[in-house]
């Protein structure tokens, strides 16, 4: 697998961004980005070798930690860990708190301010 600079730039344009903005926001230096982009394969050789030996694509032995299933599984594990230390806590409150803590503080603040401005209709 390799990085397609053309695809990255196209995705940036679709979102109204330029490459420099994305690199700055993600903390990736231009030098690192272009070094990775020049490589024929960004997967470690060991992963490619293991996949080749097993007769599968390297993608078959990798997991996407950002997939919804992986995130949900990690969240359940974290909730269970807290629950094991504090059995009296409400699991739903723990889950909600952990989800909030994953957000950027500015995003939590914006949502709270937006929520506070809505009329309370009962």
PDB file of N, CA and C in Angstrom:
ATOM      1  N   UNK A   1       0.846  -1.168   0.000  1.00  0.00           N
ATOM      2  CA  UNK A   1       0.000   0.000   0.000  1.00  0.00           C
ATOM      3  C   UNK A   1       0.891   1.230   0.000  1.00  0.00           C
ATOM      4  N   UNK A   2       0.436   2.241  -0.657  1.00  0.00           N
ATOM      5  CA  UNK A   2       1.181   3.490  -0.671  1.00  0.00           C
ATOM      6  C   UNK A   2       0.221   4.673  -0.580  1.00  0.00           C
ATOM      7  N   UNK A   3       0.776   5.808  -0.239  1.00  0.00           N
ATOM      8  CA  UNK A   3      -0.017   7.031  -0.104  1.00  0.00           C
ATOM      9  C   UNK A   3      -0.138   7.685  -1.470  1.00  0.00           C
ATOM     10  N   UNK A   4      -1.350   8.001  -1.860  1.00  0.00           N
ATOM     11  CA  UNK A   4      -1.584   8.715  -3.112  1.00  0.00           C
ATOM     12  C   UNK A   4      -1.714  10.201  -2.790  1.00  0.00           C
ATOM     13  N   UNK A   5      -0.688  10.974  -3.131  1.00  0.00           N
ATOM     14  CA  UNK A   5      -0.741  12.410  -2.842  1.00  0.00           C
ATOM     15  C   UNK A   5      -1.887  13.058  -3.606  1.00  0.00           C
ATOM     16  N   UNK A   6      -2.176  12.528  -4.785  1.00  0.00           N
ATOM     17  CA  UNK A   6      -3.285  13.061  -5.583  1.00  0.00           C
ATOM     18  C   UNK A   6      -4.609  12.867  -4.846  1.00  0.00           C
ATOM     19  N   UNK A   7      -4.812  11.662  -4.277  1.00  0.00           N
ATOM     20  CA  UNK A   7      -6.046  11.405  -3.538  1.00  0.00           C
ATOM     21  C   UNK A   7      -6.142  12.260  -2.279  1.00  0.00           C
ATOM     22  N   UNK A   8      -5.027  12.419  -1.586  1.00  0.00           N
ATOM     23  CA  UNK A   8      -5.029  13.234  -0.371  1.00  0.00           C
ATOM     24  C   UNK A   8      -5.396  14.671  -0.713  1.00  0.00           C
ATOM     25  N   UNK A   9      -4.778  15.214  -1.751  1.00  0.00           N
ATOM     26  CA  UNK A   9      -5.065  16.600  -2.140  1.00  0.00           C
ATOM     27  C   UNK A   9      -6.515  16.752  -2.601  1.00  0.00           C
ATOM     28  N   UNK A  10      -7.032  15.756  -3.295  1.00  0.00           N
ATOM     29  CA  UNK A  10      -8.418  15.794  -3.750  1.00  0.00           C
ATOM     30  C   UNK A  10      -9.377  15.785  -2.559  1.00  0.00           C
ATOM     31  N   UNK A  11      -9.100  14.931  -1.571  1.00  0.00           N
ATOM     32  CA  UNK A  11      -9.929  14.876  -0.371  1.00  0.00           C
ATOM     33  C   UNK A  11      -9.863  16.194   0.398  1.00  0.00           C
ATOM     34  N   UNK A  12      -8.692  16.795   0.426  1.00  0.00           N
ATOM     35  CA  UNK A  12      -8.547  18.104   1.088  1.00  0.00           C
ATOM     36  C   UNK A  12      -9.442  19.132   0.408  1.00  0.00           C
ATOM     37  N   UNK A  13      -9.364  19.179  -0.914  1.00  0.00           N
ATOM     38  CA  UNK A  13     -10.166  20.157  -1.666  1.00  0.00           C
ATOM     39  C   UNK A  13     -11.653  19.951  -1.430  1.00  0.00           C
ATOM     40  N   UNK A  14     -12.098  18.693  -1.390  1.00  0.00           N
ATOM     41  CA  UNK A  14     -13.517  18.400  -1.164  1.00  0.00           C
ATOM     42  C   UNK A  14     -14.000  18.925   0.179  1.00  0.00           C
ATOM     43  N   UNK A  15     -13.080  19.010   1.137  1.00  0.00           N
ATOM     44  CA  UNK A  15     -13.454  19.491   2.466  1.00  0.00           C
ATOM     45  C   UNK A  15     -13.095  20.964   2.661  1.00  0.00           C
ATOM     46  N   UNK A  16     -12.690  21.612   1.571  1.00  0.00           N
ATOM     47  CA  UNK A  16     -12.373  23.034   1.648  1.00  0.00           C
ATOM     48  C   UNK A  16     -11.086  23.332   2.394  1.00  0.00           C
ATOM     49  N   UNK A  17     -10.177  22.381   2.393  1.00  0.00           N
ATOM     50  CA  UNK A  17      -8.904  22.539   3.086  1.00  0.00           C
ATOM     51  C   UNK A  17      -7.763  22.451   2.089  1.00  0.00           C
ATOM     52  N   UNK A  18      -6.585  22.878   2.525  1.00  0.00           N
ATOM     53  CA  UNK A  18      -5.403  22.611   1.712  1.00  0.00           C
ATOM     54  C   UNK A  18      -4.512  21.657   2.503  1.00  0.00           C
ATOM     55  N   UNK A  19      -3.556  21.094   1.827  1.00  0.00           N
ATOM     56  CA  UNK A  19      -2.697  20.080   2.442  1.00  0.00           C
ATOM     57  C   UNK A  19      -1.982  20.627   3.670  1.00  0.00           C
ATOM     58  N   UNK A  20      -1.491  21.857   3.593  1.00  0.00           N
ATOM     59  CA  UNK A  20      -0.775  22.435   4.736  1.00  0.00           C
ATOM     60  C   UNK A  20      -1.656  22.509   5.978  1.00  0.00           C
ATOM     61  N   UNK A  21      -2.916  22.869   5.799  1.00  0.00           N
ATOM     62  CA  UNK A  21      -3.829  22.926   6.945  1.00  0.00           C
ATOM     63  C   UNK A  21      -3.981  21.554   7.589  1.00  0.00           C
ATOM     64  N   UNK A  22      -4.178  20.544   6.757  1.00  0.00           N
ATOM     65  CA  UNK A  22      -4.367  19.191   7.275  1.00  0.00           C
ATOM     66  C   UNK A  22      -3.106  18.720   8.003  1.00  0.00           C
ATOM     67  N   UNK A  23      -1.953  18.962   7.415  1.00  0.00           N
ATOM     68  CA  UNK A  23      -0.708  18.539   8.044  1.00  0.00           C
ATOM     69  C   UNK A  23      -0.496  19.258   9.373  1.00  0.00           C
ATOM     70  N   UNK A  24      -0.776  20.551   9.405  1.00  0.00           N
ATOM     71  CA  UNK A  24      -0.643  21.315  10.649  1.00  0.00           C
ATOM     72  C   UNK A  24      -1.592  20.785  11.724  1.00  0.00           C
ATOM     73  N   UNK A  25      -2.851  20.540  11.352  1.00  0.00           N
ATOM     74  CA  UNK A  25      -3.855  20.091  12.315  1.00  0.00           C
ATOM     75  C   UNK A  25      -3.570  18.687  12.844  1.00  0.00           C
ATOM     76  N   UNK A  26      -2.931  17.866  12.027  1.00  0.00           N
ATOM     77  CA  UNK A  26      -2.647  16.496  12.446  1.00  0.00           C
ATOM     78  C   UNK A  26      -1.266  16.339  13.063  1.00  0.00           C
ATOM     79  N   UNK A  27      -0.473  17.396  13.016  1.00  0.00           N
ATOM     80  CA  UNK A  27       0.864  17.331  13.602  1.00  0.00           C
ATOM     81  C   UNK A  27       1.858  16.540  12.769  1.00  0.00           C
ATOM     82  N   UNK A  28       1.575  16.391  11.481  1.00  0.00           N
ATOM     83  CA  UNK A  28       2.484  15.685  10.578  1.00  0.00           C
ATOM     84  C   UNK A  28       3.293  16.727   9.815  1.00  0.00           C
ATOM     85  N   UNK A  29       4.608  16.586   9.852  1.00  0.00           N
ATOM     86  CA  UNK A  29       5.439  17.555   9.144  1.00  0.00           C
ATOM     87  C   UNK A  29       5.375  17.292   7.645  1.00  0.00           C
ATOM     88  N   UNK A  30       5.631  18.334   6.867  1.00  0.00           N
ATOM     89  CA  UNK A  30       5.649  18.166   5.402  1.00  0.00           C
ATOM     90  C   UNK A  30       6.725  17.160   5.010  1.00  0.00           C
ATOM     91  N   UNK A  31       7.858  17.234   5.686  1.00  0.00           N
ATOM     92  CA  UNK A  31       8.954  16.322   5.385  1.00  0.00           C
ATOM     93  C   UNK A  31       8.534  14.868   5.607  1.00  0.00           C
ATOM     94  N   UNK A  32       7.880  14.602   6.737  1.00  0.00           N
ATOM     95  CA  UNK A  32       7.422  13.238   7.038  1.00  0.00           C
ATOM     96  C   UNK A  32       6.386  12.782   6.020  1.00  0.00           C
ATOM     97  N   UNK A  33       5.454  13.674   5.675  1.00  0.00           N
ATOM     98  CA  UNK A  33       4.408  13.322   4.715  1.00  0.00           C
ATOM     99  C   UNK A  33       5.012  12.931   3.369  1.00  0.00           C
ATOM    100  N   UNK A  34       5.907  13.765   2.853  1.00  0.00           N
ATOM    101  CA  UNK A  34       6.479  13.471   1.534  1.00  0.00           C
ATOM    102  C   UNK A  34       7.443  12.286   1.576  1.00  0.00           C
ATOM    103  N   UNK A  35       8.053  12.031   2.714  1.00  0.00           N
ATOM    104  CA  UNK A  35       8.902  10.841   2.847  1.00  0.00           C
ATOM    105  C   UNK A  35       8.037   9.588   2.740  1.00  0.00           C
ATOM    106  N   UNK A  36       6.911   9.605   3.450  1.00  0.00           N
ATOM    107  CA  UNK A  36       5.990   8.466   3.388  1.00  0.00           C
ATOM    108  C   UNK A  36       5.412   8.324   1.985  1.00  0.00           C
ATOM    109  N   UNK A  37       5.062   9.440   1.359  1.00  0.00           N
ATOM    110  CA  UNK A  37       4.441   9.399   0.033  1.00  0.00           C
ATOM    111  C   UNK A  37       5.392   8.846  -1.024  1.00  0.00           C
ATOM    112  N   UNK A  38       6.695   9.024  -0.840  1.00  0.00           N
ATOM    113  CA  UNK A  38       7.668   8.523  -1.827  1.00  0.00           C
ATOM    114  C   UNK A  38       7.896   7.022  -1.718  1.00  0.00           C
ATOM    115  N   UNK A  39       7.558   6.440  -0.581  1.00  0.00           N
ATOM    116  CA  UNK A  39       7.795   5.014  -0.390  1.00  0.00           C
ATOM    117  C   UNK A  39       6.814   4.197  -1.228  1.00  0.00           C
ATOM    118  N   UNK A  40       7.307   3.101  -1.763  1.00  0.00           N
ATOM    119  CA  UNK A  40       6.452   2.222  -2.556  1.00  0.00           C
ATOM    120  C   UNK A  40       5.428   1.523  -1.670  1.00  0.00           C
ATOM    121  N   UNK A  41       5.781   1.321  -0.406  1.00  0.00           N
ATOM    122  CA  UNK A  41       4.894   0.630   0.518  1.00  0.00           C
ATOM    123  C   UNK A  41       5.065   1.237   1.900  1.00  0.00           C
ATOM    124  N   UNK A  42       3.983   1.647   2.513  1.00  0.00           N
ATOM    125  CA  UNK A  42       4.070   2.220   3.856  1.00  0.00           C
ATOM    126  C   UNK A  42       3.839   1.174   4.943  1.00  0.00           C
ATOM    127  N   UNK A  43       3.562  -0.054   4.532  1.00  0.00           N
ATOM    128  CA  UNK A  43       3.437  -1.127   5.510  1.00  0.00           C
ATOM    129  C   UNK A  43       4.825  -1.660   5.839  1.00  0.00           C
ATOM    130  N   UNK A  44       5.059  -1.980   7.099  1.00  0.00           N
ATOM    131  CA  UNK A  44       6.349  -2.572   7.441  1.00  0.00           C
ATOM    132  C   UNK A  44       6.572  -3.865   6.656  1.00  0.00           C
ATOM    133  N   UNK A  45       7.817  -4.098   6.278  1.00  0.00           N
ATOM    134  CA  UNK A  45       8.142  -5.298   5.501  1.00  0.00           C
ATOM    135  C   UNK A  45       7.735  -6.565   6.231  1.00  0.00           C
ATOM    136  N   UNK A  46       7.820  -6.547   7.549  1.00  0.00           N
ATOM    137  CA  UNK A  46       7.462  -7.743   8.321  1.00  0.00           C
ATOM    138  C   UNK A  46       5.982  -8.090   8.155  1.00  0.00           C
ATOM    139  N   UNK A  47       5.123  -7.073   8.106  1.00  0.00           N
ATOM    140  CA  UNK A  47       3.685  -7.318   7.924  1.00  0.00           C
ATOM    141  C   UNK A  47       3.435  -7.898   6.532  1.00  0.00           C
ATOM    142  N   UNK A  48       4.104  -7.331   5.546  1.00  0.00           N
ATOM    143  CA  UNK A  48       3.961  -7.831   4.171  1.00  0.00           C
ATOM    144  C   UNK A  48       4.456  -9.269   4.090  1.00  0.00           C
ATOM    145  N   UNK A  49       5.577  -9.568   4.744  1.00  0.00           N
ATOM    146  CA  UNK A  49       6.133 -10.925   4.708  1.00  0.00           C
ATOM    147  C   UNK A  49       5.191 -11.928   5.365  1.00  0.00           C
ATOM    148  N   UNK A  50       4.624 -11.572   6.506  1.00  0.00           N
ATOM    149  CA  UNK A  50       3.687 -12.471   7.196  1.00  0.00           C
ATOM    150  C   UNK A  50       2.456 -12.717   6.321  1.00  0.00           C
ATOM    151  N   UNK A  51       1.922 -11.652   5.735  1.00  0.00           N
ATOM    152  CA  UNK A  51       0.744 -11.795   4.874  1.00  0.00           C
ATOM    153  C   UNK A  51       1.070 -12.658   3.660  1.00  0.00           C
ATOM    154  N   UNK A  52       2.235 -12.429   3.048  1.00  0.00           N
ATOM    155  CA  UNK A  52       2.640 -13.241   1.897  1.00  0.00           C
ATOM    156  C   UNK A  52       2.733 -14.717   2.273  1.00  0.00           C
ATOM    157  N   UNK A  53       3.339 -14.998   3.422  1.00  0.00           N
ATOM    158  CA  UNK A  53       3.489 -16.382   3.861  1.00  0.00           C
ATOM    159  C   UNK A  53       2.140 -17.039   4.100  1.00  0.00           C
ATOM    160  N   UNK A  54       1.174 -16.252   4.594  1.00  0.00           N
ATOM    161  CA  UNK A  54      -0.154 -16.795   4.857  1.00  0.00           C
ATOM    162  C   UNK A  54      -1.036 -16.790   3.610  1.00  0.00           C
ATOM    163  N   UNK A  55      -0.537 -16.182   2.526  1.00  0.00           N
ATOM    164  CA  UNK A  55      -1.291 -16.150   1.280  1.00  0.00           C
ATOM    165  C   UNK A  55      -2.478 -15.208   1.305  1.00  0.00           C
ATOM    166  N   UNK A  56      -2.365 -14.135   2.086  1.00  0.00           N
ATOM    167  CA  UNK A  56      -3.455 -13.170   2.194  1.00  0.00           C
ATOM    168  C   UNK A  56      -2.924 -11.763   1.949  1.00  0.00           C
ATOM    169  N   UNK A  57      -3.831 -10.832   1.805  1.00  0.00           N
ATOM    170  CA  UNK A  57      -3.465  -9.428   1.673  1.00  0.00           C
ATOM    171  C   UNK A  57      -3.054  -8.899   3.049  1.00  0.00           C
ATOM    172  N   UNK A  58      -2.112  -7.970   3.102  1.00  0.00           N
ATOM    173  CA  UNK A  58      -1.763  -7.365   4.393  1.00  0.00           C
ATOM    174  C   UNK A  58      -2.981  -6.767   5.104  1.00  0.00           C
ATOM    175  N   UNK A  59      -3.959  -6.307   4.338  1.00  0.00           N
ATOM    176  CA  UNK A  59      -5.163  -5.741   4.945  1.00  0.00           C
ATOM    177  C   UNK A  59      -5.940  -6.784   5.743  1.00  0.00           C
ATOM    178  N   UNK A  60      -5.780  -8.062   5.378  1.00  0.00           N
ATOM    179  CA  UNK A  60      -6.492  -9.131   6.083  1.00  0.00           C
ATOM    180  C   UNK A  60      -5.965  -9.364   7.495  1.00  0.00           C
ATOM    181  N   UNK A  61      -4.731  -8.922   7.778  1.00  0.00           N
ATOM    182  CA  UNK A  61      -4.193  -9.145   9.123  1.00  0.00           C
ATOM    183  C   UNK A  61      -4.098  -7.847   9.927  1.00  0.00           C
ATOM    184  N   UNK A  62      -4.616  -6.775   9.377  1.00  0.00           N
ATOM    185  CA  UNK A  62      -4.613  -5.500  10.082  1.00  0.00           C
ATOM    186  C   UNK A  62      -6.012  -5.169  10.578  1.00  0.00           C
ATOM    187  N   UNK A  63      -6.076  -4.425  11.655  1.00  0.00           N
ATOM    188  CA  UNK A  63      -7.346  -3.940  12.165  1.00  0.00           C
ATOM    189  C   UNK A  63      -7.361  -2.431  12.083  1.00  0.00           C
ATOM    190  N   UNK A  64      -8.518  -1.893  11.887  1.00  0.00           N
ATOM    191  CA  UNK A  64      -8.685  -0.451  11.885  1.00  0.00           C
ATOM    192  C   UNK A  64      -9.155  -0.053  13.274  1.00  0.00           C
ATOM    193  N   UNK A  65      -8.253   0.538  14.083  1.00  0.00           N
ATOM    194  CA  UNK A  65      -8.658   0.885  15.444  1.00  0.00           C
ATOM    195  C   UNK A  65      -9.745   1.956  15.485  1.00  0.00           C
ATOM    196  N   UNK A  66      -9.973   2.604  14.352  1.00  0.00           N
ATOM    197  CA  UNK A  66     -10.993   3.633  14.307  1.00  0.00           C
ATOM    198  C   UNK A  66     -12.346   3.130  13.841  1.00  0.00           C
ATOM    199  N   UNK A  67     -12.459   1.818  13.567  1.00  0.00           N
ATOM    200  CA  UNK A  67     -13.740   1.298  13.095  1.00  0.00           C
ATOM    201  C   UNK A  67     -14.756   1.352  14.230  1.00  0.00           C
ATOM    202  N   UNK A  68     -16.024   1.509  13.899  1.00  0.00           N
ATOM    203  CA  UNK A  68     -17.047   1.584  14.946  1.00  0.00           C
ATOM    204  C   UNK A  68     -17.043   0.377  15.874  1.00  0.00           C
ATOM    205  N   UNK A  69     -16.847  -0.816  15.330  1.00  0.00           N
ATOM    206  CA  UNK A  69     -16.834  -2.019  16.163  1.00  0.00           C
ATOM    207  C   UNK A  69     -15.679  -1.999  17.150  1.00  0.00           C
ATOM    208  N   UNK A  70     -14.497  -1.598  16.684  1.00  0.00           N
ATOM    209  CA  UNK A  70     -13.330  -1.541  17.552  1.00  0.00           C
ATOM    210  C   UNK A  70     -13.519  -0.493  18.644  1.00  0.00           C
ATOM    211  N   UNK A  71     -14.050   0.667  18.275  1.00  0.00           N
ATOM    212  CA  UNK A  71     -14.277   1.729  19.272  1.00  0.00           C
ATOM    213  C   UNK A  71     -15.291   1.274  20.317  1.00  0.00           C
ATOM    214  N   UNK A  72     -16.358   0.617  19.870  1.00  0.00           N
ATOM    215  CA  UNK A  72     -17.389   0.143  20.800  1.00  0.00           C
ATOM    216  C   UNK A  72     -16.824  -0.923  21.742  1.00  0.00           C
ATOM    217  N   UNK A  73     -16.030  -1.821  21.198  1.00  0.00           N
ATOM    218  CA  UNK A  73     -15.428  -2.876  22.016  1.00  0.00           C
ATOM    219  C   UNK A  73     -14.503  -2.288  23.069  1.00  0.00           C
ATOM    220  N   UNK A  74     -13.685  -1.303  22.663  1.00  0.00           N
ATOM    221  CA  UNK A  74     -12.793  -0.651  23.628  1.00  0.00           C
ATOM    222  C   UNK A  74     -13.594   0.083  24.709  1.00  0.00           C
ATOM    223  N   UNK A  75     -14.658   0.750  24.294  1.00  0.00           N
ATOM    224  CA  UNK A  75     -15.482   1.489  25.245  1.00  0.00           C
ATOM    225  C   UNK A  75     -16.115   0.541  26.265  1.00  0.00           C
ATOM    226  N   UNK A  76     -16.642  -0.573  25.811  1.00  0.00           N
ATOM    227  CA  UNK A  76     -17.241  -1.560  26.720  1.00  0.00           C
ATOM    228  C   UNK A  76     -16.192  -2.076  27.697  1.00  0.00           C
ATOM    229  N   UNK A  77     -14.993  -2.330  27.201  1.00  0.00           N
ATOM    230  CA  UNK A  77     -13.912  -2.782  28.072  1.00  0.00           C
ATOM    231  C   UNK A  77     -13.557  -1.753  29.133  1.00  0.00           C
ATOM    232  N   UNK A  78     -13.518  -0.483  28.738  1.00  0.00           N
ATOM    233  CA  UNK A  78     -13.213   0.585  29.691  1.00  0.00           C
ATOM    234  C   UNK A  78     -14.319   0.713  30.739  1.00  0.00           C
ATOM    235  N   UNK A  79     -15.564   0.620  30.298  1.00  0.00           N
ATOM    236  CA  UNK A  79     -16.695   0.703  31.228  1.00  0.00           C
ATOM    237  C   UNK A  79     -16.622  -0.459  32.227  1.00  0.00           C
ATOM    238  N   UNK A  80     -16.359  -1.658  31.723  1.00  0.00           N
ATOM    239  CA  UNK A  80     -16.270  -2.829  32.603  1.00  0.00           C
ATOM    240  C   UNK A  80     -15.126  -2.695  33.610  1.00  0.00           C
ATOM    241  N   UNK A  81     -14.030  -2.107  33.180  1.00  0.00           N
ATOM    242  CA  UNK A  81     -12.891  -1.907  34.083  1.00  0.00           C
ATOM    243  C   UNK A  81     -13.266  -0.950  35.211  1.00  0.00           C
ATOM    244  N   UNK A  82     -13.919   0.155  34.871  1.00  0.00           N
ATOM    245  CA  UNK A  82     -14.362   1.109  35.895  1.00  0.00           C
ATOM    246  C   UNK A  82     -15.371   0.431  36.817  1.00  0.00           C
ATOM    247  N   UNK A  83     -16.306  -0.305  36.221  1.00  0.00           N
ATOM    248  CA  UNK A  83     -17.358  -0.989  36.991  1.00  0.00           C
ATOM    249  C   UNK A  83     -16.746  -2.015  37.959  1.00  0.00           C
ATOM    250  N   UNK A  84     -15.666  -2.683  37.552  1.00  0.00           N
ATOM    251  CA  UNK A  84     -15.037  -3.673  38.442  1.00  0.00           C
ATOM    252  C   UNK A  84     -14.400  -3.007  39.664  1.00  0.00           C
ATOM    253  N   UNK A  85     -13.913  -1.778  39.503  1.00  0.00           N
ATOM    254  CA  UNK A  85     -13.314  -1.055  40.625  1.00  0.00           C
ATOM    255  C   UNK A  85     -14.374  -0.344  41.480  1.00  0.00           C
ATOM    256  N   UNK A  86     -15.448   0.057  40.847  1.00  0.00           N
ATOM    257  CA  UNK A  86     -16.515   0.796  41.527  1.00  0.00           C
ATOM    258  C   UNK A  86     -17.870   0.177  41.150  1.00  0.00           C
ATOM    259  N   UNK A  87     -18.232  -0.946  41.758  1.00  0.00           N
ATOM    260  CA  UNK A  87     -19.447  -1.669  41.379  1.00  0.00           C
ATOM    261  C   UNK A  87     -20.735  -0.869  41.514  1.00  0.00           C
ATOM    262  N   UNK A  88     -20.720   0.162  42.352  1.00  0.00           N
ATOM    263  CA  UNK A  88     -21.945   0.925  42.588  1.00  0.00           C
ATOM    264  C   UNK A  88     -22.244   1.945  41.488  1.00  0.00           C
ATOM    265  N   UNK A  89     -21.303   2.209  40.583  1.00  0.00           N
ATOM    266  CA  UNK A  89     -21.531   3.251  39.571  1.00  0.00           C
ATOM    267  C   UNK A  89     -22.518   2.781  38.502  1.00  0.00           C
ATOM    268  N   UNK A  90     -23.191   3.742  37.930  1.00  0.00           N
ATOM    269  CA  UNK A  90     -24.124   3.469  36.845  1.00  0.00           C
ATOM    270  C   UNK A  90     -23.342   3.340  35.535  1.00  0.00           C
ATOM    271  N   UNK A  91     -23.454   2.194  34.883  1.00  0.00           N
ATOM    272  CA  UNK A  91     -22.698   1.934  33.647  1.00  0.00           C
ATOM    273  C   UNK A  91     -22.985   2.974  32.567  1.00  0.00           C
ATOM    274  N   UNK A  92     -24.229   3.390  32.476  1.00  0.00           N
ATOM    275  CA  UNK A  92     -24.604   4.365  31.445  1.00  0.00           C
ATOM    276  C   UNK A  92     -23.903   5.701  31.685  1.00  0.00           C
ATOM    277  N   UNK A  93     -23.803   6.120  32.945  1.00  0.00           N
ATOM    278  CA  UNK A  93     -23.099   7.358  33.258  1.00  0.00           C
ATOM    279  C   UNK A  93     -21.613   7.251  32.956  1.00  0.00           C
ATOM    280  N   UNK A  94     -21.027   6.105  33.239  1.00  0.00           N
ATOM    281  CA  UNK A  94     -19.613   5.886  32.951  1.00  0.00           C
ATOM    282  C   UNK A  94     -19.383   5.945  31.445  1.00  0.00           C
ATOM    283  N   UNK A  95     -20.232   5.257  30.693  1.00  0.00           N
ATOM    284  CA  UNK A  95     -20.105   5.247  29.237  1.00  0.00           C
ATOM    285  C   UNK A  95     -20.217   6.671  28.682  1.00  0.00           C
ATOM    286  N   UNK A  96     -21.213   7.394  29.142  1.00  0.00           N
ATOM    287  CA  UNK A  96     -21.427   8.762  28.668  1.00  0.00           C
ATOM    288  C   UNK A  96     -20.228   9.647  29.006  1.00  0.00           C
ATOM    289  N   UNK A  97     -19.713   9.519  30.213  1.00  0.00           N
ATOM    290  CA  UNK A  97     -18.553  10.315  30.630  1.00  0.00           C
ATOM    291  C   UNK A  97     -17.332   9.986  29.781  1.00  0.00           C
ATOM    292  N   UNK A  98     -17.087   8.701  29.548  1.00  0.00           N
ATOM    293  CA  UNK A  98     -15.932   8.306  28.728  1.00  0.00           C
ATOM    294  C   UNK A  98     -16.059   8.841  27.302  1.00  0.00           C
ATOM    295  N   UNK A  99     -17.273   8.816  26.762  1.00  0.00           N
ATOM    296  CA  UNK A  99     -17.478   9.365  25.414  1.00  0.00           C
ATOM    297  C   UNK A  99     -17.214  10.864  25.398  1.00  0.00           C
ATOM    298  N   UNK A 100     -17.671  11.564  26.417  1.00  0.00           N
ATOM    299  CA  UNK A 100     -17.430  13.009  26.480  1.00  0.00           C
ATOM    300  C   UNK A 100     -15.946  13.329  26.596  1.00  0.00           C
ATOM    301  N   UNK A 101     -15.222  12.538  27.359  1.00  0.00           N
ATOM    302  CA  UNK A 101     -13.794  12.784  27.545  1.00  0.00           C
ATOM    303  C   UNK A 101     -12.984  12.549  26.271  1.00  0.00           C
ATOM    304  N   UNK A 102     -13.546  11.833  25.322  1.00  0.00           N
ATOM    305  CA  UNK A 102     -12.847  11.600  24.053  1.00  0.00           C
ATOM    306  C   UNK A 102     -12.970  12.788  23.102  1.00  0.00           C
ATOM    307  N   UNK A 103     -13.913  13.654  23.388  1.00  0.00           N
ATOM    308  CA  UNK A 103     -14.104  14.823  22.536  1.00  0.00           C
ATOM    309  C   UNK A 103     -13.116  15.910  22.930  1.00  0.00           C
ATOM    310  N   UNK A 104     -12.843  16.784  21.986  1.00  0.00           N
ATOM    311  CA  UNK A 104     -12.011  17.941  22.283  1.00  0.00           C
ATOM    312  C   UNK A 104     -12.798  18.846  23.227  1.00  0.00           C
ATOM    313  N   UNK A 105     -12.119  19.446  24.195  1.00  0.00           N
ATOM    314  CA  UNK A 105     -12.827  20.326  25.141  1.00  0.00           C
ATOM    315  C   UNK A 105     -13.626  21.431  24.446  1.00  0.00           C
ATOM    316  N   UNK A 106     -13.092  21.995  23.394  1.00  0.00           N
ATOM    317  CA  UNK A 106     -13.806  23.076  22.709  1.00  0.00           C
ATOM    318  C   UNK A 106     -15.104  22.568  22.089  1.00  0.00           C
ATOM    319  N   UNK A 107     -15.106  21.329  21.600  1.00  0.00           N
ATOM    320  CA  UNK A 107     -16.327  20.749  21.022  1.00  0.00           C
ATOM    321  C   UNK A 107     -17.371  20.492  22.106  1.00  0.00           C
ATOM    322  N   UNK A 108     -16.910  20.016  23.282  1.00  0.00           N
ATOM    323  CA  UNK A 108     -17.849  19.809  24.399  1.00  0.00           C
ATOM    324  C   UNK A 108     -18.462  21.136  24.833  1.00  0.00           C
ATOM    325  N   UNK A 109     -17.617  22.159  24.891  1.00  0.00           N
ATOM    326  CA  UNK A 109     -18.106  23.472  25.299  1.00  0.00           C
ATOM    327  C   UNK A 109     -19.116  24.014  24.300  1.00  0.00           C
ATOM    328  N   UNK A 110     -18.822  23.906  23.014  1.00  0.00           N
ATOM    329  CA  UNK A 110     -19.762  24.386  21.990  1.00  0.00           C
ATOM    330  C   UNK A 110     -21.102  23.686  22.096  1.00  0.00           C
ATOM    331  N   UNK A 111     -21.073  22.370  22.278  1.00  0.00           N
ATOM    332  CA  UNK A 111     -22.321  21.620  22.371  1.00  0.00           C
ATOM    333  C   UNK A 111     -23.097  22.027  23.619  1.00  0.00           C
ATOM    334  N   UNK A 112     -22.387  22.207  24.730  1.00  0.00           N
ATOM    335  CA  UNK A 112     -23.054  22.619  25.963  1.00  0.00           C
ATOM    336  C   UNK A 112     -23.683  24.000  25.800  1.00  0.00           C
ATOM    337  N   UNK A 113     -22.970  24.904  25.153  1.00  0.00           N
ATOM    338  CA  UNK A 113     -23.514  26.249  24.946  1.00  0.00           C
ATOM    339  C   UNK A 113     -24.720  26.217  24.018  1.00  0.00           C
ATOM    340  N   UNK A 114     -24.648  25.409  22.974  1.00  0.00           N
ATOM    341  CA  UNK A 114     -25.771  25.279  22.048  1.00  0.00           C
ATOM    342  C   UNK A 114     -26.962  24.668  22.763  1.00  0.00           C
ATOM    343  N   UNK A 115     -26.722  23.658  23.572  1.00  0.00           N
ATOM    344  CA  UNK A 115     -27.792  23.006  24.326  1.00  0.00           C
ATOM    345  C   UNK A 115     -28.417  23.977  25.325  1.00  0.00           C
ATOM    346  N   UNK A 116     -27.586  24.804  25.948  1.00  0.00           N
ATOM    347  CA  UNK A 116     -28.086  25.761  26.945  1.00  0.00           C
ATOM    348  C   UNK A 116     -28.949  26.840  26.315  1.00  0.00           C
ATOM    349  N   UNK A 117     -28.751  27.123  25.036  1.00  0.00           N
ATOM    350  CA  UNK A 117     -29.514  28.177  24.368  1.00  0.00           C
ATOM    351  C   UNK A 117     -30.877  27.699  23.889  1.00  0.00           C
ATOM    352  N   UNK A 118     -31.077  26.396  23.810  1.00  0.00           N
ATOM    353  CA  UNK A 118     -32.370  25.875  23.350  1.00  0.00           C
ATOM    354  C   UNK A 118     -33.403  26.045  24.457  1.00  0.00           C
ATOM    355  N   UNK A 119     -34.632  26.409  24.063  1.00  0.00           N
ATOM    356  CA  UNK A 119     -35.666  26.551  25.079  1.00  0.00           C
ATOM    357  C   UNK A 119     -36.008  25.200  25.702  1.00  0.00           C
ATOM    358  N   UNK A 120     -36.238  25.206  26.977  1.00  0.00           N
ATOM    359  CA  UNK A 120     -36.586  23.990  27.698  1.00  0.00           C
ATOM    360  C   UNK A 120     -38.078  23.777  27.613  1.00  0.00           C
ATOM    361  N   UNK A 121     -38.506  22.840  26.762  1.00  0.00           N
ATOM    362  CA  UNK A 121     -39.927  22.585  26.541  1.00  0.00           C
ATOM    363  C   UNK A 121     -40.297  21.273  27.209  1.00  0.00           C
ATOM    364  N   UNK A 122     -41.227  21.355  28.165  1.00  0.00           N
ATOM    365  CA  UNK A 122     -41.702  20.142  28.855  1.00  0.00           C
ATOM    366  C   UNK A 122     -43.182  20.059  28.750  1.00  0.00           C
TER     367      UNK A 122
END
